Amino acid sequence: MRVCSEGFDEAFIDENRDMYAISFTQYILSGRWKHFILWYLREGPRRYSDIKKYLGGLSQGSLTKQLRELEQDGVIQREVYPEVPPRVEYSLTDRGKKLLPILEKMEAFGREYGG
């Protein structure tokens, strides 16, 4: 498998759509906290402070990085309300909601085989 600095080369993608698709999904979910953020947002919009509290010992910088990456990948959206102080909420996009069955399968597998 040849990967260039920007990702898979076009020939690989054309010849191995299945592997590329798995890799693409893995890339979106890569990151220690992304699974948990998406899982927490499945029930509805959440404020930054609620997400931070839910995740416990996560630093502000790490959380901000993970949220920005999820937003750039189009799986969450960030909404700023014009209040004083500003209120910011994060929620799943339609694309993000399509990842939930994957997380549900991961949860089921972990329950069955995780001990």
N, C-alpha and C. Protein backbone atom coordinates (compact mmCIF):
# COMPACT_ATOMS: atom_id res chain seq x y z
N MET A 1 0.86 -1.18 0.00
CA MET A 1 0.00 0.00 0.00
C MET A 1 0.90 1.23 0.00
N ARG A 2 0.80 2.04 -1.02
CA ARG A 2 1.60 3.26 -1.11
C ARG A 2 0.75 4.44 -0.69
N VAL A 3 1.29 5.22 0.21
CA VAL A 3 0.57 6.40 0.70
C VAL A 3 1.48 7.60 0.49
N CYS A 4 0.96 8.63 -0.14
CA CYS A 4 1.75 9.85 -0.32
C CYS A 4 1.53 10.78 0.86
N SER A 5 2.17 11.92 0.88
CA SER A 5 2.08 12.83 2.03
C SER A 5 0.67 13.35 2.26
N GLU A 6 -0.18 13.38 1.24
CA GLU A 6 -1.56 13.85 1.39
C GLU A 6 -2.54 12.71 1.62
N GLY A 7 -2.07 11.47 1.62
CA GLY A 7 -2.95 10.33 1.78
C GLY A 7 -2.68 9.29 0.72
N PHE A 8 -3.69 8.54 0.34
CA PHE A 8 -3.52 7.49 -0.66
C PHE A 8 -3.37 8.10 -2.04
N ASP A 9 -2.52 7.47 -2.86
CA ASP A 9 -2.42 7.95 -4.23
C ASP A 9 -3.64 7.47 -5.02
N GLU A 10 -3.91 8.15 -6.12
CA GLU A 10 -5.13 7.89 -6.90
C GLU A 10 -5.22 6.46 -7.40
N ALA A 11 -4.10 5.88 -7.80
CA ALA A 11 -4.12 4.51 -8.31
C ALA A 11 -4.57 3.55 -7.22
N PHE A 12 -4.09 3.74 -6.01
CA PHE A 12 -4.50 2.88 -4.91
C PHE A 12 -5.99 3.01 -4.66
N ILE A 13 -6.47 4.23 -4.63
CA ILE A 13 -7.90 4.46 -4.38
C ILE A 13 -8.74 3.77 -5.45
N ASP A 14 -8.34 3.91 -6.71
CA ASP A 14 -9.11 3.29 -7.80
C ASP A 14 -9.12 1.77 -7.70
N GLU A 15 -8.02 1.19 -7.30
CA GLU A 15 -7.89 -0.27 -7.27
C GLU A 15 -8.39 -0.89 -5.97
N ASN A 16 -8.49 -0.11 -4.90
CA ASN A 16 -8.81 -0.65 -3.58
C ASN A 16 -9.83 0.22 -2.85
N ARG A 17 -10.98 0.41 -3.48
CA ARG A 17 -12.00 1.29 -2.88
C ARG A 17 -12.40 0.83 -1.48
N ASP A 18 -12.46 -0.48 -1.25
CA ASP A 18 -12.87 -0.99 0.05
C ASP A 18 -11.87 -0.60 1.14
N MET A 19 -10.58 -0.80 0.86
CA MET A 19 -9.55 -0.45 1.85
C MET A 19 -9.49 1.06 2.07
N TYR A 20 -9.66 1.81 0.99
CA TYR A 20 -9.67 3.26 1.12
C TYR A 20 -10.86 3.71 1.98
N ALA A 21 -12.02 3.11 1.78
CA ALA A 21 -13.21 3.48 2.55
C ALA A 21 -13.01 3.20 4.04
N ILE A 22 -12.42 2.05 4.35
CA ILE A 22 -12.13 1.73 5.76
C ILE A 22 -11.15 2.72 6.34
N SER A 23 -10.11 3.02 5.58
CA SER A 23 -9.09 3.96 6.05
C SER A 23 -9.68 5.36 6.26
N PHE A 24 -10.54 5.77 5.35
CA PHE A 24 -11.18 7.09 5.45
C PHE A 24 -11.99 7.19 6.74
N THR A 25 -12.78 6.16 7.03
CA THR A 25 -13.58 6.15 8.25
C THR A 25 -12.69 6.12 9.48
N GLN A 26 -11.65 5.32 9.44
CA GLN A 26 -10.70 5.24 10.55
C GLN A 26 -10.05 6.60 10.79
N TYR A 27 -9.71 7.30 9.72
CA TYR A 27 -9.10 8.62 9.84
C TYR A 27 -10.03 9.58 10.57
N ILE A 28 -11.30 9.59 10.22
CA ILE A 28 -12.25 10.49 10.88
C ILE A 28 -12.36 10.17 12.37
N LEU A 29 -12.34 8.88 12.70
CA LEU A 29 -12.51 8.47 14.10
C LEU A 29 -11.18 8.43 14.87
N SER A 30 -10.06 8.68 14.17
CA SER A 30 -8.78 8.60 14.86
C SER A 30 -8.65 9.74 15.86
N GLY A 31 -8.10 9.42 16.97
CA GLY A 31 -7.98 10.37 18.06
C GLY A 31 -8.56 9.74 19.31
N ARG A 32 -7.86 9.90 20.38
CA ARG A 32 -8.22 9.19 21.62
C ARG A 32 -9.62 9.48 22.11
N TRP A 33 -10.14 10.68 21.86
CA TRP A 33 -11.39 11.11 22.47
C TRP A 33 -12.55 11.24 21.50
N LYS A 34 -12.30 11.15 20.20
CA LYS A 34 -13.36 11.40 19.22
C LYS A 34 -14.55 10.46 19.36
N HIS A 35 -14.28 9.19 19.61
CA HIS A 35 -15.38 8.23 19.79
C HIS A 35 -16.29 8.67 20.92
N PHE A 36 -15.68 9.08 22.02
CA PHE A 36 -16.44 9.45 23.21
C PHE A 36 -17.21 10.76 23.00
N ILE A 37 -16.61 11.69 22.29
CA ILE A 37 -17.29 12.95 21.99
C ILE A 37 -18.54 12.67 21.15
N LEU A 38 -18.38 11.88 20.10
CA LEU A 38 -19.52 11.55 19.24
C LEU A 38 -20.59 10.79 20.02
N TRP A 39 -20.18 9.88 20.86
CA TRP A 39 -21.12 9.10 21.68
C TRP A 39 -21.90 10.02 22.60
N TYR A 40 -21.23 10.99 23.20
CA TYR A 40 -21.89 11.92 24.11
C TYR A 40 -22.85 12.84 23.37
N LEU A 41 -22.50 13.22 22.15
CA LEU A 41 -23.35 14.13 21.38
C LEU A 41 -24.55 13.43 20.75
N ARG A 42 -24.61 12.10 20.83
CA ARG A 42 -25.72 11.37 20.20
C ARG A 42 -27.07 11.75 20.79
N GLU A 43 -27.08 12.21 22.03
CA GLU A 43 -28.34 12.55 22.69
C GLU A 43 -28.77 13.99 22.46
N GLY A 44 -27.93 14.77 21.80
CA GLY A 44 -28.30 16.15 21.51
C GLY A 44 -27.14 17.11 21.71
N PRO A 45 -27.38 18.38 21.42
CA PRO A 45 -26.32 19.39 21.54
C PRO A 45 -25.78 19.48 22.97
N ARG A 46 -24.49 19.75 23.05
CA ARG A 46 -23.82 19.88 24.34
C ARG A 46 -22.88 21.08 24.31
N ARG A 47 -22.77 21.71 25.47
CA ARG A 47 -21.84 22.82 25.62
C ARG A 47 -20.44 22.29 25.83
N TYR A 48 -19.46 23.11 25.51
CA TYR A 48 -18.05 22.75 25.65
C TYR A 48 -17.76 22.27 27.07
N SER A 49 -18.23 23.02 28.05
CA SER A 49 -17.95 22.66 29.46
C SER A 49 -18.56 21.31 29.83
N ASP A 50 -19.72 20.98 29.27
CA ASP A 50 -20.34 19.68 29.54
C ASP A 50 -19.51 18.54 28.94
N ILE A 51 -19.00 18.76 27.72
CA ILE A 51 -18.16 17.75 27.08
C ILE A 51 -16.89 17.54 27.89
N LYS A 52 -16.29 18.64 28.33
CA LYS A 52 -15.05 18.56 29.11
C LYS A 52 -15.29 17.81 30.42
N LYS A 53 -16.38 18.11 31.07
CA LYS A 53 -16.73 17.43 32.32
C LYS A 53 -16.98 15.94 32.09
N TYR A 54 -17.66 15.61 31.02
CA TYR A 54 -17.96 14.22 30.67
C TYR A 54 -16.68 13.41 30.45
N LEU A 55 -15.69 14.04 29.84
CA LEU A 55 -14.45 13.34 29.50
C LEU A 55 -13.43 13.35 30.64
N GLY A 56 -13.70 14.04 31.70
CA GLY A 56 -12.81 13.99 32.86
C GLY A 56 -11.50 14.72 32.68
N GLY A 57 -10.39 13.97 32.72
CA GLY A 57 -9.07 14.57 32.78
C GLY A 57 -8.51 15.11 31.48
N LEU A 58 -9.30 15.27 30.47
CA LEU A 58 -8.83 15.78 29.19
C LEU A 58 -8.46 17.25 29.29
N SER A 59 -7.32 17.65 28.75
CA SER A 59 -6.92 19.05 28.79
C SER A 59 -7.75 19.87 27.81
N GLN A 60 -7.82 21.16 28.06
CA GLN A 60 -8.59 22.06 27.20
C GLN A 60 -8.02 22.05 25.79
N GLY A 61 -6.70 22.04 25.67
CA GLY A 61 -6.07 22.03 24.35
C GLY A 61 -6.40 20.77 23.56
N SER A 62 -6.37 19.62 24.22
CA SER A 62 -6.68 18.36 23.54
C SER A 62 -8.14 18.31 23.11
N LEU A 63 -9.04 18.76 23.97
CA LEU A 63 -10.45 18.77 23.62
C LEU A 63 -10.71 19.71 22.45
N THR A 64 -10.14 20.89 22.50
CA THR A 64 -10.32 21.85 21.42
C THR A 64 -9.82 21.28 20.10
N LYS A 65 -8.67 20.63 20.12
CA LYS A 65 -8.10 20.01 18.91
C LYS A 65 -9.04 18.95 18.35
N GLN A 66 -9.52 18.06 19.21
CA GLN A 66 -10.41 17.00 18.76
C GLN A 66 -11.72 17.57 18.19
N LEU A 67 -12.28 18.57 18.86
CA LEU A 67 -13.52 19.19 18.37
C LEU A 67 -13.30 19.86 17.02
N ARG A 68 -12.18 20.55 16.86
CA ARG A 68 -11.90 21.22 15.58
C ARG A 68 -11.76 20.21 14.46
N GLU A 69 -11.06 19.11 14.73
CA GLU A 69 -10.89 18.08 13.70
C GLU A 69 -12.23 17.47 13.32
N LEU A 70 -13.07 17.18 14.30
CA LEU A 70 -14.40 16.63 14.00
C LEU A 70 -15.24 17.62 13.20
N GLU A 71 -15.10 18.90 13.52
CA GLU A 71 -15.82 19.93 12.78
C GLU A 71 -15.30 20.02 11.34
N GLN A 72 -13.99 20.00 11.17
CA GLN A 72 -13.40 20.05 9.83
C GLN A 72 -13.81 18.86 8.98
N ASP A 73 -13.98 17.70 9.62
CA ASP A 73 -14.41 16.50 8.91
C ASP A 73 -15.91 16.47 8.65
N GLY A 74 -16.62 17.46 9.15
CA GLY A 74 -18.05 17.58 8.88
C GLY A 74 -18.94 16.66 9.69
N VAL A 75 -18.44 16.15 10.83
CA VAL A 75 -19.27 15.24 11.62
C VAL A 75 -19.91 15.93 12.84
N ILE A 76 -19.39 17.08 13.21
CA ILE A 76 -20.06 17.88 14.24
C ILE A 76 -20.15 19.31 13.74
N GLN A 77 -21.05 20.05 14.35
CA GLN A 77 -21.14 21.48 14.05
C GLN A 77 -21.04 22.26 15.33
N ARG A 78 -20.50 23.42 15.23
CA ARG A 78 -20.30 24.33 16.36
C ARG A 78 -21.20 25.52 16.14
N GLU A 79 -22.01 25.81 17.14
CA GLU A 79 -22.91 26.96 17.04
C GLU A 79 -22.64 27.91 18.19
N VAL A 80 -22.39 29.18 17.82
CA VAL A 80 -22.12 30.22 18.81
C VAL A 80 -23.35 31.09 18.92
N TYR A 81 -23.87 31.22 20.15
CA TYR A 81 -25.04 32.06 20.39
C TYR A 81 -24.58 33.43 20.86
N PRO A 82 -25.15 34.49 20.27
CA PRO A 82 -24.71 35.86 20.59
C PRO A 82 -25.24 36.33 21.95
N GLU A 83 -24.65 35.79 23.00
CA GLU A 83 -25.02 36.15 24.36
C GLU A 83 -23.77 36.63 25.06
N VAL A 84 -23.94 37.18 26.24
CA VAL A 84 -22.79 37.59 27.05
C VAL A 84 -22.85 36.81 28.35
N PRO A 85 -21.88 35.94 28.61
CA PRO A 85 -20.81 35.52 27.70
C PRO A 85 -21.35 34.62 26.60
N PRO A 86 -20.61 34.52 25.49
CA PRO A 86 -21.10 33.70 24.37
C PRO A 86 -21.30 32.25 24.79
N ARG A 87 -22.37 31.66 24.31
CA ARG A 87 -22.65 30.25 24.57
C ARG A 87 -22.33 29.48 23.29
N VAL A 88 -21.56 28.40 23.44
CA VAL A 88 -21.16 27.58 22.30
C VAL A 88 -21.69 26.18 22.52
N GLU A 89 -22.35 25.64 21.51
CA GLU A 89 -22.86 24.27 21.58
C GLU A 89 -22.35 23.47 20.39
N TYR A 90 -22.12 22.20 20.65
CA TYR A 90 -21.68 21.27 19.62
C TYR A 90 -22.78 20.22 19.43
N SER A 91 -22.98 19.83 18.17
CA SER A 91 -23.97 18.80 17.88
C SER A 91 -23.52 18.00 16.67
N LEU A 92 -24.12 16.84 16.51
CA LEU A 92 -23.80 15.99 15.37
C LEU A 92 -24.45 16.54 14.10
N THR A 93 -23.74 16.44 13.01
CA THR A 93 -24.32 16.73 11.70
C THR A 93 -24.98 15.44 11.20
N ASP A 94 -25.61 15.51 10.05
CA ASP A 94 -26.18 14.29 9.46
C ASP A 94 -25.07 13.27 9.20
N ARG A 95 -23.92 13.74 8.75
CA ARG A 95 -22.79 12.84 8.52
C ARG A 95 -22.34 12.21 9.84
N GLY A 96 -22.31 12.99 10.89
CA GLY A 96 -21.93 12.47 12.20
C GLY A 96 -22.91 11.43 12.71
N LYS A 97 -24.19 11.65 12.48
CA LYS A 97 -25.21 10.68 12.91
C LYS A 97 -25.05 9.35 12.19
N LYS A 98 -24.51 9.38 10.97
CA LYS A 98 -24.29 8.14 10.23
C LYS A 98 -23.14 7.32 10.82
N LEU A 99 -22.32 7.92 11.67
CA LEU A 99 -21.25 7.18 12.34
C LEU A 99 -21.76 6.44 13.58
N LEU A 100 -22.92 6.82 14.09
CA LEU A 100 -23.43 6.21 15.32
C LEU A 100 -23.59 4.69 15.25
N PRO A 101 -24.10 4.14 14.14
CA PRO A 101 -24.18 2.67 14.10
C PRO A 101 -22.81 1.98 14.24
N ILE A 102 -21.77 2.62 13.75
CA ILE A 102 -20.41 2.07 13.93
C ILE A 102 -20.06 2.04 15.40
N LEU A 103 -20.33 3.14 16.09
CA LEU A 103 -20.03 3.21 17.53
C LEU A 103 -20.90 2.23 18.31
N GLU A 104 -22.14 2.06 17.89
CA GLU A 104 -23.02 1.08 18.56
C GLU A 104 -22.48 -0.34 18.39
N LYS A 105 -21.97 -0.64 17.21
CA LYS A 105 -21.36 -1.97 16.98
C LYS A 105 -20.11 -2.13 17.83
N MET A 106 -19.33 -1.07 17.97
CA MET A 106 -18.13 -1.13 18.81
C MET A 106 -18.53 -1.38 20.26
N GLU A 107 -19.58 -0.71 20.71
CA GLU A 107 -20.05 -0.91 22.08
C GLU A 107 -20.52 -2.35 22.28
N ALA A 108 -21.29 -2.86 21.35
CA ALA A 108 -21.80 -4.24 21.46
C ALA A 108 -20.65 -5.24 21.48
N PHE A 109 -19.68 -5.04 20.64
CA PHE A 109 -18.52 -5.94 20.61
C PHE A 109 -17.78 -5.90 21.95
N GLY A 110 -17.58 -4.68 22.47
CA GLY A 110 -16.89 -4.53 23.75
C GLY A 110 -17.65 -5.15 24.90
N ARG A 111 -18.96 -5.04 24.89
CA ARG A 111 -19.78 -5.67 25.94
C ARG A 111 -19.65 -7.18 25.88
N GLU A 112 -19.65 -7.72 24.65
CA GLU A 112 -19.61 -9.16 24.51
C GLU A 112 -18.23 -9.75 24.78
N TYR A 113 -17.19 -9.08 24.33
CA TYR A 113 -15.87 -9.68 24.41
C TYR A 113 -14.90 -8.94 25.34
N GLY A 114 -15.33 -7.83 25.90
CA GLY A 114 -14.43 -7.01 26.71
C GLY A 114 -14.22 -7.49 28.13
N GLY A 115 -14.90 -8.51 28.51
CA GLY A 115 -14.66 -9.09 29.84
C GLY A 115 -15.46 -8.52 30.89
